[in-house]
Amino acid sequence: MKPEEILAEALRVVREGGTILYPTDTVWGLGCDATNATAVARIFEIKQRADSKSLVLLSSDLDMVAKYVKEIPSIAVDLVEVNDAPMTIIYPGAICSETGDKWHLAANCVAADGTVGIRIPLADWCKQLVFKLGRPIVSTSANISGEPTPQRFSDIPQEIKDAVDFVVPPSVDTASTGRASQILKVGLRGEIEIIRK
């Protein structure tokens, strides 16, 4: 498949409520439409992970983030503007619903305190996928919960590969680093908490 065909197929699967295995700007991830509660539940099943844990989402830009959180703290804008490495920001005030719809995040991808972790990927392929979908997608590491995060496609367990609806070929060119992003939690008054460096 040509790169544009791969992108089109991944987009079709996600739009239809399916799950994908794809390379992000950090590690290989499991993804789905973050506004589709059923698809998000499937990601938890694949990972064999408790659905009480929140998930990282990918957004194409801050404009998209603004549609899914009540307010973007000004410190988050500053961080995104100077960012040159994969960085996930945990925002307060996620806009979500139990069932999810294209205007609300699925409640099962949001933390119990109403926060949500969102990263604007540096990899162009991921940005295109999210931009074309028009809403955030889930980005959680492609491993069974509790097992090591795969650094390469060849490290991903076969049961994960078999469980998703579409596997993006490893030939897709991305800016993947093979390392997890840093995670910062921000508050509306400019507070920053470093969760992971």
Protein backbone atom coordinates (compact mmCIF):
# COMPACT_ATOMS: atom_id res chain seq x y z
CA MET A 1 0.00 0.00 0.00
CA LYS A 2 1.10 3.55 -0.73
CA PRO A 3 1.44 5.94 2.25
CA GLU A 4 -1.75 7.82 1.29
CA GLU A 5 -3.65 4.50 1.03
CA ILE A 6 -2.41 3.45 4.47
CA LEU A 7 -3.54 6.77 5.94
CA ALA A 8 -6.93 6.47 4.21
CA GLU A 9 -7.45 2.92 5.53
CA ALA A 10 -6.43 3.83 9.09
CA LEU A 11 -8.80 6.80 8.93
CA ARG A 12 -11.66 4.63 7.63
CA VAL A 13 -11.20 2.09 10.43
CA VAL A 14 -11.09 4.77 13.14
CA ARG A 15 -14.12 6.60 11.72
CA GLU A 16 -16.08 3.35 11.73
CA GLY A 17 -15.31 2.74 15.42
CA GLY A 18 -12.42 0.33 14.92
CA THR A 19 -9.01 0.07 16.55
CA ILE A 20 -5.59 0.49 14.99
CA LEU A 21 -1.97 -0.33 15.82
CA TYR A 22 0.17 2.56 14.60
CA PRO A 23 3.51 4.34 15.04
CA THR A 24 3.36 7.60 16.98
CA ASP A 25 6.04 10.19 17.64
CA THR A 26 6.99 8.19 20.75
CA VAL A 27 6.25 4.45 20.64
CA TRP A 28 3.91 2.11 18.76
CA GLY A 29 0.40 2.76 19.98
CA LEU A 30 -3.11 1.41 20.08
CA GLY A 31 -5.59 3.94 18.81
CA CYS A 32 -9.24 4.68 18.22
CA ASP A 33 -11.63 7.62 18.07
CA ALA A 34 -11.44 9.21 21.54
CA THR A 35 -15.09 10.29 21.26
CA ASN A 36 -16.34 6.71 20.78
CA ALA A 37 -16.88 5.04 24.17
CA THR A 38 -17.30 1.57 22.65
CA ALA A 39 -14.01 1.84 20.74
CA VAL A 40 -12.22 3.12 23.85
CA ALA A 41 -13.60 0.15 25.84
CA ARG A 42 -12.15 -2.15 23.18
CA ILE A 43 -8.69 -0.59 23.69
CA PHE A 44 -8.92 -1.42 27.42
CA GLU A 45 -9.91 -5.00 26.51
CA ILE A 46 -6.96 -5.39 24.13
CA LYS A 47 -4.52 -4.07 26.75
CA GLN A 48 -6.20 -6.12 29.51
CA ARG A 49 -6.15 -2.90 31.52
CA ALA A 50 -8.56 -1.56 34.13
CA ASP A 51 -10.80 1.07 32.59
CA SER A 52 -10.36 3.22 35.68
CA LYS A 53 -7.06 4.43 34.21
CA SER A 54 -7.10 7.39 31.83
CA LEU A 55 -5.58 7.32 28.35
CA VAL A 56 -3.32 9.71 26.44
CA LEU A 57 -4.94 11.31 23.39
CA LEU A 58 -3.44 12.87 20.28
CA SER A 59 -4.67 16.20 18.92
CA SER A 60 -3.65 17.93 15.70
CA ASP A 61 -3.24 21.35 17.34
CA LEU A 62 -4.33 23.56 20.25
CA ASP A 63 -7.50 24.55 18.38
CA MET A 64 -8.62 20.93 18.56
CA VAL A 65 -7.62 20.69 22.23
CA ALA A 66 -9.79 23.77 22.93
CA LYS A 67 -12.88 21.91 21.69
CA TYR A 68 -12.46 19.17 24.30
CA VAL A 69 -11.35 21.02 27.44
CA LYS A 70 -13.21 23.82 29.19
CA GLU A 71 -10.21 26.14 29.26
CA ILE A 72 -6.61 25.90 28.11
CA PRO A 73 -4.29 27.32 30.79
CA SER A 74 -2.01 30.00 29.36
CA ILE A 75 1.03 28.07 30.61
CA ALA A 76 0.01 25.18 28.34
CA VAL A 77 0.03 27.49 25.31
CA ASP A 78 3.55 28.63 26.23
CA LEU A 79 4.73 25.03 26.66
CA VAL A 80 3.32 23.93 23.29
CA GLU A 81 4.89 26.92 21.51
CA VAL A 82 8.42 26.13 22.73
CA ASN A 83 8.10 22.35 22.63
CA ASP A 84 10.57 20.42 20.46
CA ALA A 85 10.19 16.95 22.02
CA PRO A 86 7.19 14.68 22.61
CA MET A 87 5.21 16.24 25.46
CA THR A 88 1.86 15.18 26.91
CA ILE A 89 -0.01 17.85 28.85
CA ILE A 90 -2.67 16.89 31.37
CA TYR A 91 -5.43 19.49 31.10
CA PRO A 92 -8.14 20.17 33.69
CA GLY A 93 -11.81 20.24 32.74
CA ALA A 94 -12.23 17.62 30.02
CA ILE A 95 -15.49 17.93 28.10
CA CYS A 96 -16.87 14.40 28.05
CA SER A 97 -20.00 12.26 28.13
CA GLU A 98 -20.71 8.67 29.07
CA THR A 99 -21.62 7.68 25.53
CA GLY A 100 -19.34 10.08 23.67
CA ASP A 101 -20.14 11.93 20.47
CA LYS A 102 -17.98 13.98 18.13
CA TRP A 103 -18.32 17.03 20.42
CA HIS A 104 -17.42 15.23 23.66
CA LEU A 105 -14.64 12.89 24.69
CA ALA A 106 -15.74 9.44 25.78
CA ALA A 107 -15.84 9.48 29.58
CA ASN A 108 -13.82 6.24 29.71
CA CYS A 109 -10.71 7.98 28.37
CA VAL A 110 -10.81 10.76 30.99
CA ALA A 111 -9.36 10.53 34.53
CA ALA A 112 -11.68 10.39 37.53
CA ASP A 113 -10.70 13.96 38.45
CA GLY A 114 -11.88 15.25 35.06
CA THR A 115 -8.40 15.75 33.62
CA VAL A 116 -7.22 14.46 30.25
CA GLY A 117 -3.71 13.92 28.87
CA ILE A 118 -3.28 15.24 25.32
CA ARG A 119 -0.21 15.39 23.09
CA ILE A 120 0.20 17.22 19.81
CA PRO A 121 2.39 14.73 17.92
CA LEU A 122 5.57 15.77 16.18
CA ALA A 123 5.21 12.98 13.61
CA ASP A 124 3.52 14.29 10.47
CA TRP A 125 1.73 11.00 9.76
CA CYS A 126 -0.02 11.09 13.16
CA LYS A 127 -0.89 14.76 12.78
CA GLN A 128 -2.47 14.05 9.39
CA LEU A 129 -4.50 11.16 10.79
CA VAL A 130 -5.88 13.24 13.66
CA PHE A 131 -6.45 16.31 11.48
CA LYS A 132 -8.37 14.33 8.87
CA LEU A 133 -10.47 12.62 11.57
CA GLY A 134 -11.25 16.04 13.03
CA ARG A 135 -11.18 14.90 16.66
CA PRO A 136 -8.65 13.35 19.06
CA ILE A 137 -7.53 9.75 18.87
CA VAL A 138 -6.37 7.48 21.66
CA SER A 139 -2.64 6.85 21.89
CA THR A 140 -1.70 4.20 24.44
CA SER A 141 1.32 1.94 24.26
CA ALA A 142 0.89 -1.31 22.31
CA ASN A 143 1.42 -3.72 25.19
CA ILE A 144 -0.54 -5.80 27.65
CA SER A 145 -0.98 -3.80 30.85
CA GLY A 146 1.97 -4.34 33.20
CA GLU A 147 4.30 -5.64 30.49
CA PRO A 148 7.21 -3.60 29.05
CA THR A 149 6.43 -0.96 26.44
CA PRO A 150 7.58 -2.20 23.01
CA GLN A 151 10.43 -0.13 21.59
CA ARG A 152 10.03 -1.51 18.04
CA PHE A 153 7.28 -3.09 15.96
CA SER A 154 8.94 -6.49 16.35
CA ASP A 155 8.57 -6.21 20.15
CA ILE A 156 4.76 -5.94 19.98
CA PRO A 157 3.03 -9.13 21.16
CA GLN A 158 1.27 -11.05 18.39
CA GLU A 159 -1.95 -11.10 20.42
CA ILE A 160 -2.02 -7.28 20.23
CA LYS A 161 -1.44 -7.35 16.46
CA ASP A 162 -4.22 -9.92 16.04
CA ALA A 163 -6.69 -8.02 18.23
CA VAL A 164 -6.84 -4.69 16.35
CA ASP A 165 -8.85 -3.97 13.21
CA PHE A 166 -5.93 -2.49 11.24
CA VAL A 167 -2.15 -2.64 11.61
CA VAL A 168 -0.27 0.25 10.05
CA PRO A 169 2.75 -1.26 8.26
CA PRO A 170 6.07 -0.56 10.01
CA SER A 171 7.33 1.00 6.79
CA VAL A 172 5.31 4.18 7.47
CA ASP A 173 7.81 7.00 7.94
CA THR A 174 7.37 8.71 11.32
CA ALA A 175 9.46 10.65 13.78
CA SER A 176 9.06 7.89 16.38
CA THR A 177 11.68 8.03 19.12
CA GLY A 178 10.91 4.66 20.74
CA ARG A 179 10.66 6.49 24.07
CA ALA A 180 7.64 7.69 26.03
CA SER A 181 6.79 11.39 26.12
CA GLN A 182 7.34 13.64 29.07
CA ILE A 183 4.12 14.33 30.98
CA LEU A 184 3.25 17.66 32.58
CA LYS A 185 0.08 18.43 34.53
CA VAL A 186 -1.01 22.06 34.30
CA GLY A 187 -3.48 24.13 36.29
CA LEU A 188 -5.55 27.16 35.42
CA ARG A 189 -3.42 29.41 37.64
CA GLY A 190 -0.14 28.48 35.95
CA GLU A 191 0.76 25.51 38.14
CA ILE A 192 2.95 22.82 36.58
CA GLU A 193 3.57 19.36 37.98
CA ILE A 194 6.12 17.11 36.30
CA ILE A 195 4.62 13.62 36.14
CA ARG A 196 7.32 12.08 33.91
CA LYS A 197 10.52 13.71 32.61
